[in-house]
Amino acid sequence: MHRDPSWEPLPVRGTTRLTCQFLLTTVYAPVHWLLCLALFLVLLAFGFVIELLSLIPGVEKGYLKLMDAVFRVIPIWPRWFVTLPELGHEGDAAFYQARLEAKLTKFSADPNQRDMDIPVRKYRAVGAGHAAQRSGEYGWTLQEVRQRPSTELRLVRNAAVQAPLSR
C-alpha cells in the first residue's frame, strides 16, 4: 500500500529507555494533568467573560479557535508518556492489533463521529500502513492533510460501513 518506511511498524524501543520513560510518566503525569485542569479552569473563567461580550460578532468563534490552539499544543496525553501495558508489550504486534481494533470499533459505533485521530501508541508494532488499511475496512479514509504516520493518523469517515468481523 505505502512504500514510505514511516508507514511500516516502528522499531522496538529499548527496555532501559522505556523504563525511564515509564518512571518519568508516573512522576510527571499527575503534575501535567493538574496543569491541564488549571488551564481548562482559566479558559472556562475567560469563557464567562467572553459570554458577556457575545454581543460583539465573531468573539465566540475567536475564543473557540483559541481553545483549539491551546489544547492542540498542550495535549492531555503527551506522546512520550509510556503506560505499564506498553512497557510490557513493546514490539508485540497482537497487543497493538487489539488496541487498534478497539479504537476503530469504539469510534465506528458512533455514527455522528466524522473524523478521528489515531495516535501512534495504538498502532506502533503493526505500522501505520496496516492501521490505514484496517480503518478503511471500518469506513474511514486518510484525511487530505499532510499525514505524519510516525506520530498519528488523521482519518475521516467516508461512508456508513458495517464493522468487519474479527480475524
C-alpha atoms as a PDB file:
ATOM      1  CA  MET A   1       0.000   0.000   0.000  1.00  0.00           C
ATOM      2  CA  HIS A   2       2.562   2.625   1.122  1.00  0.00           C
ATOM      3  CA  ARG A   3       6.253   2.347   0.241  1.00  0.00           C
ATOM      4  CA  ASP A   4       7.479   5.020   2.637  1.00  0.00           C
ATOM      5  CA  PRO A   5       9.268   3.416   5.651  1.00  0.00           C
ATOM      6  CA  SER A   6       7.312   5.652   8.031  1.00  0.00           C
ATOM      7  CA  TRP A   7       4.226   3.542   7.205  1.00  0.00           C
ATOM      8  CA  GLU A   8       5.946   0.360   8.407  1.00  0.00           C
ATOM      9  CA  PRO A   9       5.944  -0.840  12.047  1.00  0.00           C
ATOM     10  CA  LEU A  10       8.163   1.313  14.222  1.00  0.00           C
ATOM     11  CA  PRO A  11      11.352  -0.203  15.630  1.00  0.00           C
ATOM     12  CA  VAL A  12      11.202  -1.722  19.086  1.00  0.00           C
ATOM     13  CA  ARG A  13      12.334   0.714  21.758  1.00  0.00           C
ATOM     14  CA  GLY A  14      14.945  -0.338  24.290  1.00  0.00           C
ATOM     15  CA  THR A  15      13.851  -1.623  27.688  1.00  0.00           C
ATOM     16  CA  THR A  16      16.034   0.866  29.571  1.00  0.00           C
ATOM     17  CA  ARG A  17      14.636   3.813  27.656  1.00  0.00           C
ATOM     18  CA  LEU A  18      11.060   2.599  28.096  1.00  0.00           C
ATOM     19  CA  THR A  19      11.561   2.025  31.811  1.00  0.00           C
ATOM     20  CA  CYS A  20      12.938   5.559  32.230  1.00  0.00           C
ATOM     21  CA  GLN A  21      10.025   6.985  30.252  1.00  0.00           C
ATOM     22  CA  PHE A  22       7.566   4.976  32.338  1.00  0.00           C
ATOM     23  CA  LEU A  23       9.096   6.268  35.585  1.00  0.00           C
ATOM     24  CA  LEU A  24       9.019   9.838  34.283  1.00  0.00           C
ATOM     25  CA  THR A  25       5.417   9.319  33.225  1.00  0.00           C
ATOM     26  CA  THR A  26       4.373   8.147  36.692  1.00  0.00           C
ATOM     27  CA  VAL A  27       6.055  11.171  38.276  1.00  0.00           C
ATOM     28  CA  TYR A  28       5.107  13.841  35.746  1.00  0.00           C
ATOM     29  CA  ALA A  29       1.608  12.722  34.650  1.00  0.00           C
ATOM     30  CA  PRO A  30      -0.254  13.946  37.780  1.00  0.00           C
ATOM     31  CA  VAL A  31       1.524  17.307  37.576  1.00  0.00           C
ATOM     32  CA  HIS A  32       0.753  17.575  33.867  1.00  0.00           C
ATOM     33  CA  TRP A  33      -2.917  16.758  34.393  1.00  0.00           C
ATOM     34  CA  LEU A  34      -3.189  19.319  37.204  1.00  0.00           C
ATOM     35  CA  LEU A  35      -1.687  21.925  34.877  1.00  0.00           C
ATOM     36  CA  CYS A  36      -4.170  20.933  32.156  1.00  0.00           C
ATOM     37  CA  LEU A  37      -7.022  21.214  34.652  1.00  0.00           C
ATOM     38  CA  ALA A  38      -5.805  24.644  35.787  1.00  0.00           C
ATOM     39  CA  LEU A  39      -5.541  25.784  32.176  1.00  0.00           C
ATOM     40  CA  PHE A  40      -9.045  24.492  31.479  1.00  0.00           C
ATOM     41  CA  LEU A  41     -10.413  26.367  34.502  1.00  0.00           C
ATOM     42  CA  VAL A  42      -8.694  29.577  33.365  1.00  0.00           C
ATOM     43  CA  LEU A  43     -10.167  29.171  29.886  1.00  0.00           C
ATOM     44  CA  LEU A  44     -13.574  28.429  31.414  1.00  0.00           C
ATOM     45  CA  ALA A  45     -13.422  31.608  33.512  1.00  0.00           C
ATOM     46  CA  PHE A  46     -12.312  33.503  30.425  1.00  0.00           C
ATOM     47  CA  GLY A  47     -15.300  31.948  28.649  1.00  0.00           C
ATOM     48  CA  PHE A  48     -17.693  33.602  31.095  1.00  0.00           C
ATOM     49  CA  VAL A  49     -16.182  36.973  30.196  1.00  0.00           C
ATOM     50  CA  ILE A  50     -16.497  36.092  26.513  1.00  0.00           C
ATOM     51  CA  GLU A  51     -20.155  35.226  27.121  1.00  0.00           C
ATOM     52  CA  LEU A  52     -20.708  38.769  28.357  1.00  0.00           C
ATOM     53  CA  LEU A  53     -19.003  40.062  25.223  1.00  0.00           C
ATOM     54  CA  SER A  54     -21.029  37.789  22.954  1.00  0.00           C
ATOM     55  CA  LEU A  55     -22.881  40.795  21.602  1.00  0.00           C
ATOM     56  CA  ILE A  56     -19.766  41.568  19.569  1.00  0.00           C
ATOM     57  CA  PRO A  57     -19.836  39.445  16.399  1.00  0.00           C
ATOM     58  CA  GLY A  58     -17.033  36.916  15.983  1.00  0.00           C
ATOM     59  CA  VAL A  59     -15.877  36.865  19.608  1.00  0.00           C
ATOM     60  CA  GLU A  60     -17.128  33.335  20.265  1.00  0.00           C
ATOM     61  CA  LYS A  61     -15.544  31.984  17.096  1.00  0.00           C
ATOM     62  CA  GLY A  62     -12.202  33.508  18.088  1.00  0.00           C
ATOM     63  CA  TYR A  63     -12.470  32.033  21.576  1.00  0.00           C
ATOM     64  CA  LEU A  64     -13.154  28.560  20.178  1.00  0.00           C
ATOM     65  CA  LYS A  65     -10.131  28.897  17.888  1.00  0.00           C
ATOM     66  CA  LEU A  66      -8.044  29.894  20.914  1.00  0.00           C
ATOM     67  CA  MET A  67      -9.199  26.840  22.883  1.00  0.00           C
ATOM     68  CA  ASP A  68      -8.461  24.535  19.943  1.00  0.00           C
ATOM     69  CA  ALA A  69      -4.992  26.034  19.532  1.00  0.00           C
ATOM     70  CA  VAL A  70      -4.169  25.747  23.235  1.00  0.00           C
ATOM     71  CA  PHE A  71      -5.267  22.129  23.550  1.00  0.00           C
ATOM     72  CA  ARG A  72      -3.516  21.210  20.307  1.00  0.00           C
ATOM     73  CA  VAL A  73      -0.226  22.495  21.739  1.00  0.00           C
ATOM     74  CA  ILE A  74      -0.750  21.086  25.243  1.00  0.00           C
ATOM     75  CA  PRO A  75      -2.122  17.544  24.879  1.00  0.00           C
ATOM     76  CA  ILE A  76      -3.862  15.701  27.701  1.00  0.00           C
ATOM     77  CA  TRP A  77      -1.709  12.630  26.968  1.00  0.00           C
ATOM     78  CA  PRO A  78       1.742  13.603  25.588  1.00  0.00           C
ATOM     79  CA  ARG A  79       3.328  11.305  23.014  1.00  0.00           C
ATOM     80  CA  TRP A  80       6.290  10.412  25.217  1.00  0.00           C
ATOM     81  CA  PHE A  81       4.131   9.010  28.042  1.00  0.00           C
ATOM     82  CA  VAL A  82       4.559   5.237  28.472  1.00  0.00           C
ATOM     83  CA  THR A  83       1.963   3.118  30.252  1.00  0.00           C
ATOM     84  CA  LEU A  84       2.582  -0.153  32.060  1.00  0.00           C
ATOM     85  CA  PRO A  85       0.889  -2.231  29.312  1.00  0.00           C
ATOM     86  CA  GLU A  86       3.078  -0.522  26.691  1.00  0.00           C
ATOM     87  CA  LEU A  87       6.134  -1.273  28.789  1.00  0.00           C
ATOM     88  CA  GLY A  88       5.250  -4.952  28.979  1.00  0.00           C
ATOM     89  CA  HIS A  89       4.093  -5.383  25.368  1.00  0.00           C
ATOM     90  CA  GLU A  90       6.674  -3.399  23.403  1.00  0.00           C
ATOM     91  CA  GLY A  91       7.009  -4.985  19.964  1.00  0.00           C
ATOM     92  CA  ASP A  92       4.011  -7.317  20.473  1.00  0.00           C
ATOM     93  CA  ALA A  93       2.007  -6.981  17.251  1.00  0.00           C
ATOM     94  CA  ALA A  94      -1.032  -8.827  18.654  1.00  0.00           C
ATOM     95  CA  PHE A  95      -1.299  -6.357  21.554  1.00  0.00           C
ATOM     96  CA  TYR A  96      -1.207  -3.340  19.240  1.00  0.00           C
ATOM     97  CA  GLN A  97      -3.589  -5.019  16.792  1.00  0.00           C
ATOM     98  CA  ALA A  98      -6.103  -5.426  19.625  1.00  0.00           C
ATOM     99  CA  ARG A  99      -5.637  -1.775  20.658  1.00  0.00           C
ATOM    100  CA  LEU A 100      -6.197  -0.609  17.099  1.00  0.00           C
ATOM    101  CA  GLU A 101      -9.297  -2.779  16.700  1.00  0.00           C
ATOM    102  CA  ALA A 102     -10.735  -1.469  19.988  1.00  0.00           C
ATOM    103  CA  LYS A 103     -10.198   2.149  18.920  1.00  0.00           C
ATOM    104  CA  LEU A 104     -11.718   1.574  15.475  1.00  0.00           C
ATOM    105  CA  THR A 105     -14.690  -0.318  16.920  1.00  0.00           C
ATOM    106  CA  LYS A 106     -15.359   2.389  19.501  1.00  0.00           C
ATOM    107  CA  PHE A 107     -15.320   5.279  17.042  1.00  0.00           C
ATOM    108  CA  SER A 108     -17.097   3.401  14.246  1.00  0.00           C
ATOM    109  CA  ALA A 109     -20.035   2.637  16.550  1.00  0.00           C
ATOM    110  CA  ASP A 110     -20.859   6.355  16.814  1.00  0.00           C
ATOM    111  CA  PRO A 111     -22.497   7.487  13.542  1.00  0.00           C
ATOM    112  CA  ASN A 112     -22.011  11.153  14.483  1.00  0.00           C
ATOM    113  CA  GLN A 113     -18.234  10.777  14.635  1.00  0.00           C
ATOM    114  CA  ARG A 114     -16.942  12.471  11.470  1.00  0.00           C
ATOM    115  CA  ASP A 115     -13.192  12.422  11.995  1.00  0.00           C
ATOM    116  CA  MET A 116     -10.721  10.653  14.222  1.00  0.00           C
ATOM    117  CA  ASP A 117      -7.047  10.821  15.116  1.00  0.00           C
ATOM    118  CA  ILE A 118      -5.266   7.576  15.928  1.00  0.00           C
ATOM    119  CA  PRO A 119      -2.095   8.176  17.938  1.00  0.00           C
ATOM    120  CA  VAL A 120       0.961   6.043  17.238  1.00  0.00           C
ATOM    121  CA  ARG A 121       0.559   4.370  20.648  1.00  0.00           C
ATOM    122  CA  LYS A 122      -2.411   2.464  19.171  1.00  0.00           C
ATOM    123  CA  TYR A 123      -0.622   1.011  16.104  1.00  0.00           C
ATOM    124  CA  ARG A 124       3.115   1.144  16.890  1.00  0.00           C
ATOM    125  CA  ALA A 125       4.026  -2.534  16.301  1.00  0.00           C
ATOM    126  CA  VAL A 126       1.653  -3.116  13.365  1.00  0.00           C
ATOM    127  CA  GLY A 127       2.532   0.006  11.393  1.00  0.00           C
ATOM    128  CA  ALA A 128       0.616   2.956  10.024  1.00  0.00           C
ATOM    129  CA  GLY A 129       0.031   1.194   6.702  1.00  0.00           C
ATOM    130  CA  HIS A 130      -1.789  -1.650   8.442  1.00  0.00           C
ATOM    131  CA  ALA A 131      -3.724   0.850  10.580  1.00  0.00           C
ATOM    132  CA  ALA A 132      -4.813   2.763   7.463  1.00  0.00           C
ATOM    133  CA  GLN A 133      -5.854  -0.476   5.769  1.00  0.00           C
ATOM    134  CA  ARG A 134      -7.881  -1.693   8.778  1.00  0.00           C
ATOM    135  CA  SER A 135      -9.500   1.720   9.225  1.00  0.00           C
ATOM    136  CA  GLY A 136     -10.597   1.560   5.585  1.00  0.00           C
ATOM    137  CA  GLU A 137     -12.430  -1.661   6.381  1.00  0.00           C
ATOM    138  CA  TYR A 138     -14.337   0.225   9.082  1.00  0.00           C
ATOM    139  CA  GLY A 139     -15.324   3.022   6.683  1.00  0.00           C
ATOM    140  CA  TRP A 140     -12.551   5.529   7.399  1.00  0.00           C
ATOM    141  CA  THR A 141     -10.090   7.103   4.951  1.00  0.00           C
ATOM    142  CA  LEU A 142      -6.993   9.202   5.440  1.00  0.00           C
ATOM    143  CA  GLN A 143      -7.694  12.926   5.575  1.00  0.00           C
ATOM    144  CA  GLU A 144      -6.382  15.051   2.734  1.00  0.00           C
ATOM    145  CA  VAL A 145      -3.947  16.788   5.058  1.00  0.00           C
ATOM    146  CA  ARG A 146      -0.273  16.078   5.449  1.00  0.00           C
ATOM    147  CA  GLN A 147      -0.113  12.779   7.318  1.00  0.00           C
ATOM    148  CA  ARG A 148       2.507  12.106   9.992  1.00  0.00           C
ATOM    149  CA  PRO A 149       2.381   8.315  10.353  1.00  0.00           C
ATOM    150  CA  SER A 150       5.237   8.311  12.861  1.00  0.00           C
ATOM    151  CA  THR A 151       3.066  10.287  15.319  1.00  0.00           C
ATOM    152  CA  GLU A 152      -0.624   9.926  14.357  1.00  0.00           C
ATOM    153  CA  LEU A 153      -3.092   9.154  11.593  1.00  0.00           C
ATOM    154  CA  ARG A 154      -5.867  11.605  10.800  1.00  0.00           C
ATOM    155  CA  LEU A 155      -8.958   9.866   9.473  1.00  0.00           C
ATOM    156  CA  VAL A 156     -12.321  10.967   8.146  1.00  0.00           C
ATOM    157  CA  ARG A 157     -15.447   8.821   7.793  1.00  0.00           C
ATOM    158  CA  ASN A 158     -16.182   8.087   4.151  1.00  0.00           C
ATOM    159  CA  ALA A 159     -19.385   6.054   4.431  1.00  0.00           C
ATOM    160  CA  ALA A 160     -21.590   4.209   6.854  1.00  0.00           C
ATOM    161  CA  VAL A 161     -19.829   0.859   6.677  1.00  0.00           C
ATOM    162  CA  GLN A 162     -20.604  -2.026   8.986  1.00  0.00           C
ATOM    163  CA  ALA A 163     -17.662  -3.050  11.178  1.00  0.00           C
ATOM    164  CA  PRO A 164     -15.916  -6.127   9.761  1.00  0.00           C
ATOM    165  CA  LEU A 165     -15.837  -9.428  11.558  1.00  0.00           C
ATOM    166  CA  SER A 166     -12.751 -10.048  13.671  1.00  0.00           C
ATOM    167  CA  ARG A 167      -9.990 -12.017  12.085  1.00  0.00           C
END
